[in-house]
Every structure is written in C-alpha cells, then in structure tokens.
Amino acid sequence: MPKHRIFTTKFAGIYPLYVQKAERKQRTKKEVDQIICWLTGYDQAGLQQQIEQGNDLETFFAQAPAINPNRSLIKGVVCGVRVEEIEDPLMQKIRYLDKLIDELAKGKAMENILRQ
C-alpha cells in the first residue's frame, strides 16, 4: 500500500502554514516553535535544521529526539477524526501537532496546550 501523501510532505512547507495560522489569531512564531519542541523534543537549533534540510514529515518525526510522553493527554477532533483513535503512529503524531496548533489559534493558554 502506498504511503499517505502527508507523510512525504516537507515539514518546511507546512511549518509556515502553522505560523500563519497562529499569527492570524495574534499568537506568535515563538509559541508555535515552543509547541513543536514540546511535542518532538527538538531544541530551537534542531527545529531550524529540520526546516533547512527539507525533511518530510516522516523523517521529521523519525528523527525527533524525544516524543513527549504527555502526548497521550491530547484529545479531540482534527479533520473529523478523534486524534486518540488514530491507529497509524505517524499519522497520530502529525494530527497531535495539528491539534496543538489549532488550540493555539483558538486562544488556549500555553500551559493548557502543553498539558502542564
């Protein structure tokens, strides 16, 4: 079975869309970066390196230093699908990130977004 198209999408192509979505709702690039780093374990330099290398989402998540163990606390619906019910681990990580960015754009407090 062929890979889902989103898996081969470049992270560098999606990242600016996350930032734009946040900035349209008066949130910041710094907050987007904080969310991505919380979920994946990248530091700012590692995140920037992933963008510059042009890695796809599959590689981006495969090279993530430490996927946050609290990700299982992320609940809700993205694109009509409950994130906690997604069976493919990579697709679930991608949707977790989508959900966190959605929460940021909806004005949730960072401590709630980061499940603290």
PDB file of N, CA and C in Angstrom:
ATOM      1  N   MET A   1       0.849  -1.178   0.000  1.00  0.00           N
ATOM      2  CA  MET A   1       0.000   0.000   0.000  1.00  0.00           C
ATOM      3  C   MET A   1       0.898   1.246   0.000  1.00  0.00           C
ATOM      4  N   PRO A   2       0.618   2.223  -0.871  1.00  0.00           N
ATOM      5  CA  PRO A   2       1.455   3.430  -0.911  1.00  0.00           C
ATOM      6  C   PRO A   2       1.290   4.263   0.353  1.00  0.00           C
ATOM      7  N   LYS A   3       2.334   5.026   0.645  1.00  0.00           N
ATOM      8  CA  LYS A   3       2.301   5.899   1.824  1.00  0.00           C
ATOM      9  C   LYS A   3       1.275   7.002   1.612  1.00  0.00           C
ATOM     10  N   HIS A   4       0.714   7.452   2.722  1.00  0.00           N
ATOM     11  CA  HIS A   4      -0.196   8.595   2.668  1.00  0.00           C
ATOM     12  C   HIS A   4       0.604   9.806   2.192  1.00  0.00           C
ATOM     13  N   ARG A   5      -0.009  10.635   1.401  1.00  0.00           N
ATOM     14  CA  ARG A   5       0.672  11.794   0.820  1.00  0.00           C
ATOM     15  C   ARG A   5       1.248  12.737   1.881  1.00  0.00           C
ATOM     16  N   ILE A   6       0.573  12.868   3.009  1.00  0.00           N
ATOM     17  CA  ILE A   6       1.052  13.779   4.055  1.00  0.00           C
ATOM     18  C   ILE A   6       2.415  13.347   4.597  1.00  0.00           C
ATOM     19  N   PHE A   7       2.700  12.042   4.589  1.00  0.00           N
ATOM     20  CA  PHE A   7       3.973  11.550   5.126  1.00  0.00           C
ATOM     21  C   PHE A   7       5.162  12.076   4.333  1.00  0.00           C
ATOM     22  N   THR A   8       4.975  12.282   3.035  1.00  0.00           N
ATOM     23  CA  THR A   8       6.079  12.729   2.179  1.00  0.00           C
ATOM     24  C   THR A   8       6.072  14.244   1.959  1.00  0.00           C
ATOM     25  N   THR A   9       5.151  14.932   2.622  1.00  0.00           N
ATOM     26  CA  THR A   9       5.114  16.393   2.549  1.00  0.00           C
ATOM     27  C   THR A   9       6.265  16.956   3.375  1.00  0.00           C
ATOM     28  N   LYS A  10       6.929  17.951   2.822  1.00  0.00           N
ATOM     29  CA  LYS A  10       8.073  18.551   3.520  1.00  0.00           C
ATOM     30  C   LYS A  10       7.593  19.364   4.730  1.00  0.00           C
ATOM     31  N   PHE A  11       8.260  19.142   5.857  1.00  0.00           N
ATOM     32  CA  PHE A  11       7.940  19.899   7.061  1.00  0.00           C
ATOM     33  C   PHE A  11       8.110  21.393   6.811  1.00  0.00           C
ATOM     34  N   ALA A  12       9.130  21.759   6.037  1.00  0.00           N
ATOM     35  CA  ALA A  12       9.387  23.173   5.733  1.00  0.00           C
ATOM     36  C   ALA A  12       8.237  23.805   4.955  1.00  0.00           C
ATOM     37  N   GLY A  13       7.429  23.004   4.292  1.00  0.00           N
ATOM     38  CA  GLY A  13       6.269  23.518   3.584  1.00  0.00           C
ATOM     39  C   GLY A  13       5.067  23.722   4.495  1.00  0.00           C
ATOM     40  N   ILE A  14       4.984  22.931   5.544  1.00  0.00           N
ATOM     41  CA  ILE A  14       3.854  23.009   6.470  1.00  0.00           C
ATOM     42  C   ILE A  14       4.113  24.014   7.594  1.00  0.00           C
ATOM     43  N   TYR A  15       5.370  24.118   8.001  1.00  0.00           N
ATOM     44  CA  TYR A  15       5.730  24.988   9.120  1.00  0.00           C
ATOM     45  C   TYR A  15       5.232  26.436   8.944  1.00  0.00           C
ATOM     46  N   PRO A  16       5.470  27.063   7.775  1.00  0.00           N
ATOM     47  CA  PRO A  16       4.970  28.447   7.636  1.00  0.00           C
ATOM     48  C   PRO A  16       3.443  28.542   7.740  1.00  0.00           C
ATOM     49  N   LEU A  17       2.749  27.473   7.364  1.00  0.00           N
ATOM     50  CA  LEU A  17       1.289  27.481   7.477  1.00  0.00           C
ATOM     51  C   LEU A  17       0.858  27.462   8.937  1.00  0.00           C
ATOM     52  N   TYR A  18       1.588  26.713   9.762  1.00  0.00           N
ATOM     53  CA  TYR A  18       1.322  26.721  11.201  1.00  0.00           C
ATOM     54  C   TYR A  18       1.540  28.120  11.769  1.00  0.00           C
ATOM     55  N   VAL A  19       2.645  28.750  11.379  1.00  0.00           N
ATOM     56  CA  VAL A  19       2.970  30.097  11.873  1.00  0.00           C
ATOM     57  C   VAL A  19       1.906  31.100  11.418  1.00  0.00           C
ATOM     58  N   GLN A  20       1.516  31.023  10.145  1.00  0.00           N
ATOM     59  CA  GLN A  20       0.489  31.939   9.630  1.00  0.00           C
ATOM     60  C   GLN A  20      -0.827  31.772  10.380  1.00  0.00           C
ATOM     61  N   LYS A  21      -1.212  30.536  10.626  1.00  0.00           N
ATOM     62  CA  LYS A  21      -2.460  30.272  11.339  1.00  0.00           C
ATOM     63  C   LYS A  21      -2.424  30.899  12.726  1.00  0.00           C
ATOM     64  N   ALA A  22      -1.300  30.739  13.400  1.00  0.00           N
ATOM     65  CA  ALA A  22      -1.147  31.309  14.742  1.00  0.00           C
ATOM     66  C   ALA A  22      -1.153  32.838  14.692  1.00  0.00           C
ATOM     67  N   GLU A  23      -0.403  33.411  13.764  1.00  0.00           N
ATOM     68  CA  GLU A  23      -0.278  34.870  13.695  1.00  0.00           C
ATOM     69  C   GLU A  23      -1.598  35.542  13.311  1.00  0.00           C
ATOM     70  N   ARG A  24      -2.427  34.863  12.523  1.00  0.00           N
ATOM     71  CA  ARG A  24      -3.749  35.411  12.179  1.00  0.00           C
ATOM     72  C   ARG A  24      -4.604  35.586  13.430  1.00  0.00           C
ATOM     73  N   LYS A  25      -4.307  34.795  14.457  1.00  0.00           N
ATOM     74  CA  LYS A  25      -5.067  34.858  15.714  1.00  0.00           C
ATOM     75  C   LYS A  25      -4.267  35.539  16.824  1.00  0.00           C
ATOM     76  N   GLN A  26      -3.320  36.401  16.422  1.00  0.00           N
ATOM     77  CA  GLN A  26      -2.488  37.170  17.360  1.00  0.00           C
ATOM     78  C   GLN A  26      -1.643  36.304  18.274  1.00  0.00           C
ATOM     79  N   ARG A  27      -1.222  35.154  17.809  1.00  0.00           N
ATOM     80  CA  ARG A  27      -0.256  34.319  18.523  1.00  0.00           C
ATOM     81  C   ARG A  27       1.078  34.451  17.779  1.00  0.00           C
ATOM     82  N   THR A  28       2.141  33.869  18.312  1.00  0.00           N
ATOM     83  CA  THR A  28       3.467  34.138  17.754  1.00  0.00           C
ATOM     84  C   THR A  28       4.158  32.888  17.212  1.00  0.00           C
ATOM     85  N   LYS A  29       5.159  33.147  16.372  1.00  0.00           N
ATOM     86  CA  LYS A  29       6.016  32.079  15.851  1.00  0.00           C
ATOM     87  C   LYS A  29       6.724  31.385  17.013  1.00  0.00           C
ATOM     88  N   LYS A  30       7.114  32.169  18.006  1.00  0.00           N
ATOM     89  CA  LYS A  30       7.789  31.612  19.177  1.00  0.00           C
ATOM     90  C   LYS A  30       6.900  30.578  19.877  1.00  0.00           C
ATOM     91  N   GLU A  31       5.604  30.855  19.962  1.00  0.00           N
ATOM     92  CA  GLU A  31       4.679  29.904  20.582  1.00  0.00           C
ATOM     93  C   GLU A  31       4.529  28.637  19.739  1.00  0.00           C
ATOM     94  N   VAL A  32       4.492  28.802  18.413  1.00  0.00           N
ATOM     95  CA  VAL A  32       4.440  27.638  17.515  1.00  0.00           C
ATOM     96  C   VAL A  32       5.679  26.777  17.731  1.00  0.00           C
ATOM     97  N   ASP A  33       6.841  27.423  17.769  1.00  0.00           N
ATOM     98  CA  ASP A  33       8.095  26.690  17.983  1.00  0.00           C
ATOM     99  C   ASP A  33       8.089  25.972  19.332  1.00  0.00           C
ATOM    100  N   GLN A  34       7.572  26.635  20.351  1.00  0.00           N
ATOM    101  CA  GLN A  34       7.510  26.033  21.692  1.00  0.00           C
ATOM    102  C   GLN A  34       6.655  24.767  21.671  1.00  0.00           C
ATOM    103  N   ILE A  35       5.545  24.814  20.974  1.00  0.00           N
ATOM    104  CA  ILE A  35       4.659  23.655  20.863  1.00  0.00           C
ATOM    105  C   ILE A  35       5.359  22.519  20.125  1.00  0.00           C
ATOM    106  N   ILE A  36       5.983  22.826  18.998  1.00  0.00           N
ATOM    107  CA  ILE A  36       6.670  21.798  18.210  1.00  0.00           C
ATOM    108  C   ILE A  36       7.789  21.164  19.028  1.00  0.00           C
ATOM    109  N   CYS A  37       8.552  21.992  19.719  1.00  0.00           N
ATOM    110  CA  CYS A  37       9.659  21.482  20.539  1.00  0.00           C
ATOM    111  C   CYS A  37       9.140  20.645  21.705  1.00  0.00           C
ATOM    112  N   TRP A  38       8.028  21.050  22.299  1.00  0.00           N
ATOM    113  CA  TRP A  38       7.437  20.272  23.401  1.00  0.00           C
ATOM    114  C   TRP A  38       7.034  18.879  22.920  1.00  0.00           C
ATOM    115  N   LEU A  39       6.393  18.822  21.756  1.00  0.00           N
ATOM    116  CA  LEU A  39       5.903  17.543  21.244  1.00  0.00           C
ATOM    117  C   LEU A  39       7.033  16.625  20.785  1.00  0.00           C
ATOM    118  N   THR A  40       8.053  17.197  20.157  1.00  0.00           N
ATOM    119  CA  THR A  40       9.074  16.382  19.485  1.00  0.00           C
ATOM    120  C   THR A  40      10.391  16.242  20.238  1.00  0.00           C
ATOM    121  N   GLY A  41      10.672  17.163  21.141  1.00  0.00           N
ATOM    122  CA  GLY A  41      11.951  17.126  21.837  1.00  0.00           C
ATOM    123  C   GLY A  41      13.059  17.873  21.120  1.00  0.00           C
ATOM    124  N   TYR A  42      12.766  18.443  19.941  1.00  0.00           N
ATOM    125  CA  TYR A  42      13.774  19.258  19.262  1.00  0.00           C
ATOM    126  C   TYR A  42      14.039  20.507  20.086  1.00  0.00           C
ATOM    127  N   ASP A  43      15.295  20.999  20.030  1.00  0.00           N
ATOM    128  CA  ASP A  43      15.566  22.333  20.542  1.00  0.00           C
ATOM    129  C   ASP A  43      15.425  23.283  19.350  1.00  0.00           C
ATOM    130  N   GLN A  44      15.603  24.575  19.582  1.00  0.00           N
ATOM    131  CA  GLN A  44      15.405  25.552  18.511  1.00  0.00           C
ATOM    132  C   GLN A  44      16.357  25.302  17.343  1.00  0.00           C
ATOM    133  N   ALA A  45      17.604  24.962  17.640  1.00  0.00           N
ATOM    134  CA  ALA A  45      18.583  24.700  16.576  1.00  0.00           C
ATOM    135  C   ALA A  45      18.204  23.451  15.779  1.00  0.00           C
ATOM    136  N   GLY A  46      17.751  22.417  16.465  1.00  0.00           N
ATOM    137  CA  GLY A  46      17.340  21.186  15.795  1.00  0.00           C
ATOM    138  C   GLY A  46      16.124  21.399  14.915  1.00  0.00           C
ATOM    139  N   LEU A  47      15.191  22.198  15.393  1.00  0.00           N
ATOM    140  CA  LEU A  47      13.999  22.521  14.616  1.00  0.00           C
ATOM    141  C   LEU A  47      14.401  23.274  13.347  1.00  0.00           C
ATOM    142  N   GLN A  48      15.270  24.255  13.505  1.00  0.00           N
ATOM    143  CA  GLN A  48      15.729  25.039  12.355  1.00  0.00           C
ATOM    144  C   GLN A  48      16.470  24.151  11.353  1.00  0.00           C
ATOM    145  N   GLN A  49      17.254  23.216  11.854  1.00  0.00           N
ATOM    146  CA  GLN A  49      17.987  22.300  10.988  1.00  0.00           C
ATOM    147  C   GLN A  49      17.019  21.435  10.171  1.00  0.00           C
ATOM    148  N   GLN A  50      15.955  20.960  10.796  1.00  0.00           N
ATOM    149  CA  GLN A  50      14.954  20.158  10.079  1.00  0.00           C
ATOM    150  C   GLN A  50      14.320  20.964   8.947  1.00  0.00           C
ATOM    151  N   ILE A  51      14.051  22.224   9.211  1.00  0.00           N
ATOM    152  CA  ILE A  51      13.459  23.098   8.193  1.00  0.00           C
ATOM    153  C   ILE A  51      14.439  23.289   7.045  1.00  0.00           C
ATOM    154  N   GLU A  52      15.687  23.581   7.378  1.00  0.00           N
ATOM    155  CA  GLU A  52      16.705  23.828   6.351  1.00  0.00           C
ATOM    156  C   GLU A  52      17.011  22.585   5.525  1.00  0.00           C
ATOM    157  N   GLN A  53      16.972  21.411   6.132  1.00  0.00           N
ATOM    158  CA  GLN A  53      17.269  20.178   5.409  1.00  0.00           C
ATOM    159  C   GLN A  53      16.134  19.764   4.476  1.00  0.00           C
ATOM    160  N   GLY A  54      14.965  20.323   4.679  1.00  0.00           N
ATOM    161  CA  GLY A  54      13.837  20.000   3.817  1.00  0.00           C
ATOM    162  C   GLY A  54      13.298  18.595   4.019  1.00  0.00           C
ATOM    163  N   ASN A  55      13.397  18.086   5.239  1.00  0.00           N
ATOM    164  CA  ASN A  55      12.920  16.733   5.527  1.00  0.00           C
ATOM    165  C   ASN A  55      11.401  16.651   5.440  1.00  0.00           C
ATOM    166  N   ASP A  56      10.933  15.471   5.024  1.00  0.00           N
ATOM    167  CA  ASP A  56       9.486  15.252   5.007  1.00  0.00           C
ATOM    168  C   ASP A  56       9.003  14.971   6.429  1.00  0.00           C
ATOM    169  N   LEU A  57       7.689  14.908   6.598  1.00  0.00           N
ATOM    170  CA  LEU A  57       7.138  14.710   7.938  1.00  0.00           C
ATOM    171  C   LEU A  57       7.539  13.366   8.536  1.00  0.00           C
ATOM    172  N   GLU A  58       7.641  12.344   7.698  1.00  0.00           N
ATOM    173  CA  GLU A  58       8.044  11.032   8.202  1.00  0.00           C
ATOM    174  C   GLU A  58       9.447  11.103   8.806  1.00  0.00           C
ATOM    175  N   THR A  59      10.366  11.749   8.120  1.00  0.00           N
ATOM    176  CA  THR A  59      11.738  11.901   8.615  1.00  0.00           C
ATOM    177  C   THR A  59      11.774  12.834   9.816  1.00  0.00           C
ATOM    178  N   PHE A  60      11.006  13.910   9.752  1.00  0.00           N
ATOM    179  CA  PHE A  60      10.946  14.880  10.846  1.00  0.00           C
ATOM    180  C   PHE A  60      10.588  14.186  12.164  1.00  0.00           C
ATOM    181  N   PHE A  61       9.552  13.358  12.136  1.00  0.00           N
ATOM    182  CA  PHE A  61       9.143  12.668  13.363  1.00  0.00           C
ATOM    183  C   PHE A  61      10.073  11.499  13.694  1.00  0.00           C
ATOM    184  N   ALA A  62      10.624  10.836  12.683  1.00  0.00           N
ATOM    185  CA  ALA A  62      11.546   9.714  12.936  1.00  0.00           C
ATOM    186  C   ALA A  62      12.821  10.201  13.624  1.00  0.00           C
ATOM    187  N   GLN A  63      13.251  11.417  13.294  1.00  0.00           N
ATOM    188  CA  GLN A  63      14.477  11.963  13.878  1.00  0.00           C
ATOM    189  C   GLN A  63      14.217  12.772  15.150  1.00  0.00           C
ATOM    190  N   ALA A  64      12.974  12.879  15.551  1.00  0.00           N
ATOM    191  CA  ALA A  64      12.644  13.648  16.755  1.00  0.00           C
ATOM    192  C   ALA A  64      13.376  13.056  17.961  1.00  0.00           C
ATOM    193  N   PRO A  65      14.065  13.904  18.722  1.00  0.00           N
ATOM    194  CA  PRO A  65      14.848  13.406  19.857  1.00  0.00           C
ATOM    195  C   PRO A  65      14.025  12.673  20.915  1.00  0.00           C
ATOM    196  N   ALA A  66      12.828  13.182  21.233  1.00  0.00           N
ATOM    197  CA  ALA A  66      12.040  12.563  22.305  1.00  0.00           C
ATOM    198  C   ALA A  66      10.589  13.013  22.185  1.00  0.00           C
ATOM    199  N   ILE A  67       9.749  12.153  21.623  1.00  0.00           N
ATOM    200  CA  ILE A  67       8.330  12.486  21.549  1.00  0.00           C
ATOM    201  C   ILE A  67       7.799  12.555  22.993  1.00  0.00           C
ATOM    202  N   ASN A  68       7.096  13.637  23.295  1.00  0.00           N
ATOM    203  CA  ASN A  68       6.651  13.889  24.669  1.00  0.00           C
ATOM    204  C   ASN A  68       5.710  12.786  25.167  1.00  0.00           C
ATOM    205  N   PRO A  69       5.998  12.224  26.334  1.00  0.00           N
ATOM    206  CA  PRO A  69       5.130  11.161  26.866  1.00  0.00           C
ATOM    207  C   PRO A  69       3.725  11.664  27.211  1.00  0.00           C
ATOM    208  N   ASN A  70       3.568  12.960  27.425  1.00  0.00           N
ATOM    209  CA  ASN A  70       2.248  13.513  27.742  1.00  0.00           C
ATOM    210  C   ASN A  70       1.370  13.713  26.505  1.00  0.00           C
ATOM    211  N   ARG A  71       1.865  13.301  25.339  1.00  0.00           N
ATOM    212  CA  ARG A  71       1.068  13.455  24.121  1.00  0.00           C
ATOM    213  C   ARG A  71      -0.246  12.686  24.210  1.00  0.00           C
ATOM    214  N   SER A  72      -0.255  11.639  25.015  1.00  0.00           N
ATOM    215  CA  SER A  72      -1.488  10.853  25.156  1.00  0.00           C
ATOM    216  C   SER A  72      -2.599  11.661  25.830  1.00  0.00           C
ATOM    217  N   LEU A  73      -2.253  12.790  26.437  1.00  0.00           N
ATOM    218  CA  LEU A  73      -3.259  13.659  27.054  1.00  0.00           C
ATOM    219  C   LEU A  73      -3.968  14.536  26.019  1.00  0.00           C
ATOM    220  N   ILE A  74      -3.453  14.542  24.785  1.00  0.00           N
ATOM    221  CA  ILE A  74      -4.060  15.339  23.714  1.00  0.00           C
ATOM    222  C   ILE A  74      -5.297  14.590  23.223  1.00  0.00           C
ATOM    223  N   LYS A  75      -6.422  15.229  23.357  1.00  0.00           N
ATOM    224  CA  LYS A  75      -7.699  14.629  22.954  1.00  0.00           C
ATOM    225  C   LYS A  75      -8.430  15.600  22.040  1.00  0.00           C
ATOM    226  N   GLY A  76      -9.317  15.074  21.255  1.00  0.00           N
ATOM    227  CA  GLY A  76     -10.147  15.943  20.430  1.00  0.00           C
ATOM    228  C   GLY A  76     -10.185  15.505  18.982  1.00  0.00           C
ATOM    229  N   VAL A  77     -10.796  16.356  18.165  1.00  0.00           N
ATOM    230  CA  VAL A  77     -11.042  16.031  16.767  1.00  0.00           C
ATOM    231  C   VAL A  77     -10.231  16.956  15.863  1.00  0.00           C
ATOM    232  N   VAL A  78      -9.581  16.368  14.879  1.00  0.00           N
ATOM    233  CA  VAL A  78      -8.892  17.111  13.829  1.00  0.00           C
ATOM    234  C   VAL A  78      -9.335  16.495  12.511  1.00  0.00           C
ATOM    235  N   CYS A  79      -9.819  17.323  11.605  1.00  0.00           N
ATOM    236  CA  CYS A  79     -10.289  16.848  10.294  1.00  0.00           C
ATOM    237  C   CYS A  79     -11.347  15.753  10.455  1.00  0.00           C
ATOM    238  N   GLY A  80     -12.195  15.891  11.451  1.00  0.00           N
ATOM    239  CA  GLY A  80     -13.285  14.949  11.655  1.00  0.00           C
ATOM    240  C   GLY A  80     -12.896  13.615  12.270  1.00  0.00           C
ATOM    241  N   VAL A  81     -11.643  13.489  12.732  1.00  0.00           N
ATOM    242  CA  VAL A  81     -11.167  12.236  13.313  1.00  0.00           C
ATOM    243  C   VAL A  81     -10.647  12.503  14.725  1.00  0.00           C
ATOM    244  N   ARG A  82     -11.008  11.648  15.663  1.00  0.00           N
ATOM    245  CA  ARG A  82     -10.501  11.784  17.034  1.00  0.00           C
ATOM    246  C   ARG A  82      -9.030  11.390  17.047  1.00  0.00           C
ATOM    247  N   VAL A  83      -8.166  12.274  17.517  1.00  0.00           N
ATOM    248  CA  VAL A  83      -6.717  12.010  17.484  1.00  0.00           C
ATOM    249  C   VAL A  83      -6.336  10.808  18.339  1.00  0.00           C
ATOM    250  N   GLU A  84      -7.059  10.591  19.416  1.00  0.00           N
ATOM    251  CA  GLU A  84      -6.713   9.468  20.292  1.00  0.00           C
ATOM    252  C   GLU A  84      -7.082   8.114  19.689  1.00  0.00           C
ATOM    253  N   GLU A  85      -7.869   8.106  18.602  1.00  0.00           N
ATOM    254  CA  GLU A  85      -8.294   6.852  17.976  1.00  0.00           C
ATOM    255  C   GLU A  85      -7.527   6.522  16.689  1.00  0.00           C
ATOM    256  N   ILE A  86      -6.616   7.385  16.289  1.00  0.00           N
ATOM    257  CA  ILE A  86      -5.852   7.144  15.057  1.00  0.00           C
ATOM    258  C   ILE A  86      -4.889   5.988  15.300  1.00  0.00           C
ATOM    259  N   GLU A  87      -4.925   4.994  14.420  1.00  0.00           N
ATOM    260  CA  GLU A  87      -4.122   3.788  14.617  1.00  0.00           C
ATOM    261  C   GLU A  87      -2.687   3.921  14.117  1.00  0.00           C
ATOM    262  N   ASP A  88      -2.470   4.611  13.007  1.00  0.00           N
ATOM    263  CA  ASP A  88      -1.117   4.753  12.469  1.00  0.00           C
ATOM    264  C   ASP A  88      -0.326   5.711  13.362  1.00  0.00           C
ATOM    265  N   PRO A  89       0.783   5.269  13.947  1.00  0.00           N
ATOM    266  CA  PRO A  89       1.535   6.112  14.892  1.00  0.00           C
ATOM    267  C   PRO A  89       2.041   7.423  14.275  1.00  0.00           C
ATOM    268  N   LEU A  90       2.492   7.380  13.021  1.00  0.00           N
ATOM    269  CA  LEU A  90       2.981   8.599  12.379  1.00  0.00           C
ATOM    270  C   LEU A  90       1.833   9.577  12.128  1.00  0.00           C
ATOM    271  N   MET A  91       0.736   9.073  11.611  1.00  0.00           N
ATOM    272  CA  MET A  91      -0.425   9.933  11.363  1.00  0.00           C
ATOM    273  C   MET A  91      -0.914  10.538  12.682  1.00  0.00           C
ATOM    274  N   GLN A  92      -0.870   9.760  13.749  1.00  0.00           N
ATOM    275  CA  GLN A  92      -1.305  10.272  15.041  1.00  0.00           C
ATOM    276  C   GLN A  92      -0.402  11.422  15.501  1.00  0.00           C
ATOM    277  N   LYS A  93       0.908  11.287  15.324  1.00  0.00           N
ATOM    278  CA  LYS A  93       1.828  12.367  15.715  1.00  0.00           C
ATOM    279  C   LYS A  93       1.547  13.625  14.903  1.00  0.00           C
ATOM    280  N   ILE A  94       1.313  13.457  13.610  1.00  0.00           N
ATOM    281  CA  ILE A  94       1.018  14.605  12.745  1.00  0.00           C
ATOM    282  C   ILE A  94      -0.266  15.284  13.220  1.00  0.00           C
ATOM    283  N   ARG A  95      -1.271  14.501  13.523  1.00  0.00           N
ATOM    284  CA  ARG A  95      -2.551  15.066  13.975  1.00  0.00           C
ATOM    285  C   ARG A  95      -2.449  15.665  15.374  1.00  0.00           C
ATOM    286  N   TYR A  96      -1.592  15.104  16.223  1.00  0.00           N
ATOM    287  CA  TYR A  96      -1.343  15.734  17.528  1.00  0.00           C
ATOM    288  C   TYR A  96      -0.829  17.157  17.311  1.00  0.00           C
ATOM    289  N   LEU A  97       0.140  17.294  16.412  1.00  0.00           N
ATOM    290  CA  LEU A  97       0.701  18.617  16.144  1.00  0.00           C
ATOM    291  C   LEU A  97      -0.372  19.547  15.582  1.00  0.00           C
ATOM    292  N   ASP A  98      -1.173  19.048  14.654  1.00  0.00           N
ATOM    293  CA  ASP A  98      -2.271  19.858  14.107  1.00  0.00           C
ATOM    294  C   ASP A  98      -3.206  20.319  15.223  1.00  0.00           C
ATOM    295  N   LYS A  99      -3.540  19.412  16.108  1.00  0.00           N
ATOM    296  CA  LYS A  99      -4.463  19.726  17.205  1.00  0.00           C
ATOM    297  C   LYS A  99      -3.878  20.801  18.121  1.00  0.00           C
ATOM    298  N   LEU A 100      -2.600  20.685  18.443  1.00  0.00           N
ATOM    299  CA  LEU A 100      -1.959  21.672  19.315  1.00  0.00           C
ATOM    300  C   LEU A 100      -1.952  23.057  18.670  1.00  0.00           C
ATOM    301  N   ILE A 101      -1.666  23.113  17.370  1.00  0.00           N
ATOM    302  CA  ILE A 101      -1.663  24.401  16.663  1.00  0.00           C
ATOM    303  C   ILE A 101      -3.089  24.958  16.605  1.00  0.00           C
ATOM    304  N   ASP A 102      -4.075  24.092  16.411  1.00  0.00           N
ATOM    305  CA  ASP A 102      -5.482  24.537  16.448  1.00  0.00           C
ATOM    306  C   ASP A 102      -5.816  25.158  17.794  1.00  0.00           C
ATOM    307  N   GLU A 103      -5.387  24.508  18.867  1.00  0.00           N
ATOM    308  CA  GLU A 103      -5.658  25.026  20.215  1.00  0.00           C
ATOM    309  C   GLU A 103      -4.999  26.385  20.412  1.00  0.00           C
ATOM    310  N   LEU A 104      -3.778  26.539  19.906  1.00  0.00           N
ATOM    311  CA  LEU A 104      -3.083  27.831  19.989  1.00  0.00           C
ATOM    312  C   LEU A 104      -3.893  28.902  19.266  1.00  0.00           C
ATOM    313  N   ALA A 105      -4.329  28.586  18.058  1.00  0.00           N
ATOM    314  CA  ALA A 105      -5.079  29.553  17.255  1.00  0.00           C
ATOM    315  C   ALA A 105      -6.443  29.884  17.880  1.00  0.00           C
ATOM    316  N   LYS A 106      -6.964  28.977  18.670  1.00  0.00           N
ATOM    317  CA  LYS A 106      -8.254  29.229  19.329  1.00  0.00           C
ATOM    318  C   LYS A 106      -8.104  29.998  20.632  1.00  0.00           C
ATOM    319  N   GLY A 107      -6.855  30.336  20.991  1.00  0.00           N
ATOM    320  CA  GLY A 107      -6.637  31.189  22.144  1.00  0.00           C
ATOM    321  C   GLY A 107      -6.410  30.492  23.464  1.00  0.00           C
ATOM    322  N   LYS A 108      -6.215  29.182  23.433  1.00  0.00           N
ATOM    323  CA  LYS A 108      -5.955  28.457  24.685  1.00  0.00           C
ATOM    324  C   LYS A 108      -4.633  28.926  25.305  1.00  0.00           C
ATOM    325  N   ALA A 109      -4.558  28.858  26.600  1.00  0.00           N
ATOM    326  CA  ALA A 109      -3.333  29.215  27.320  1.00  0.00           C
ATOM    327  C   ALA A 109      -2.258  28.181  27.041  1.00  0.00           C
ATOM    328  N   MET A 110      -1.009  28.609  26.969  1.00  0.00           N
ATOM    329  CA  MET A 110       0.090  27.706  26.649  1.00  0.00           C
ATOM    330  C   MET A 110       0.211  26.557  27.655  1.00  0.00           C
ATOM    331  N   GLU A 111       0.000  26.840  28.947  1.00  0.00           N
ATOM    332  CA  GLU A 111       0.123  25.751  29.931  1.00  0.00           C
ATOM    333  C   GLU A 111      -0.933  24.670  29.704  1.00  0.00           C
ATOM    334  N   ASN A 112      -2.093  25.054  29.178  1.00  0.00           N
ATOM    335  CA  ASN A 112      -3.125  24.058  28.847  1.00  0.00           C
ATOM    336  C   ASN A 112      -2.752  23.301  27.565  1.00  0.00           C
ATOM    337  N   ILE A 113      -2.241  24.021  26.581  1.00  0.00           N
ATOM    338  CA  ILE A 113      -1.840  23.394  25.324  1.00  0.00           C
ATOM    339  C   ILE A 113      -0.745  22.368  25.584  1.00  0.00           C
ATOM    340  N   LEU A 114       0.209  22.729  26.451  1.00  0.00           N
ATOM    341  CA  LEU A 114       1.350  21.846  26.733  1.00  0.00           C
ATOM    342  C   LEU A 114       1.046  20.844  27.834  1.00  0.00           C
ATOM    343  N   ARG A 115      -0.216  20.733  28.185  1.00  0.00           N
ATOM    344  CA  ARG A 115      -0.682  19.730  29.149  1.00  0.00           C
ATOM    345  C   ARG A 115       0.110  19.750  30.457  1.00  0.00           C
ATOM    346  N   GLN A 116       0.251  20.962  31.021  1.00  0.00           N
ATOM    347  CA  GLN A 116       1.001  21.108  32.266  1.00  0.00           C
ATOM    348  C   GLN A 116       0.068  21.329  33.439  1.00  0.00           C
TER     349      GLN A 116
END
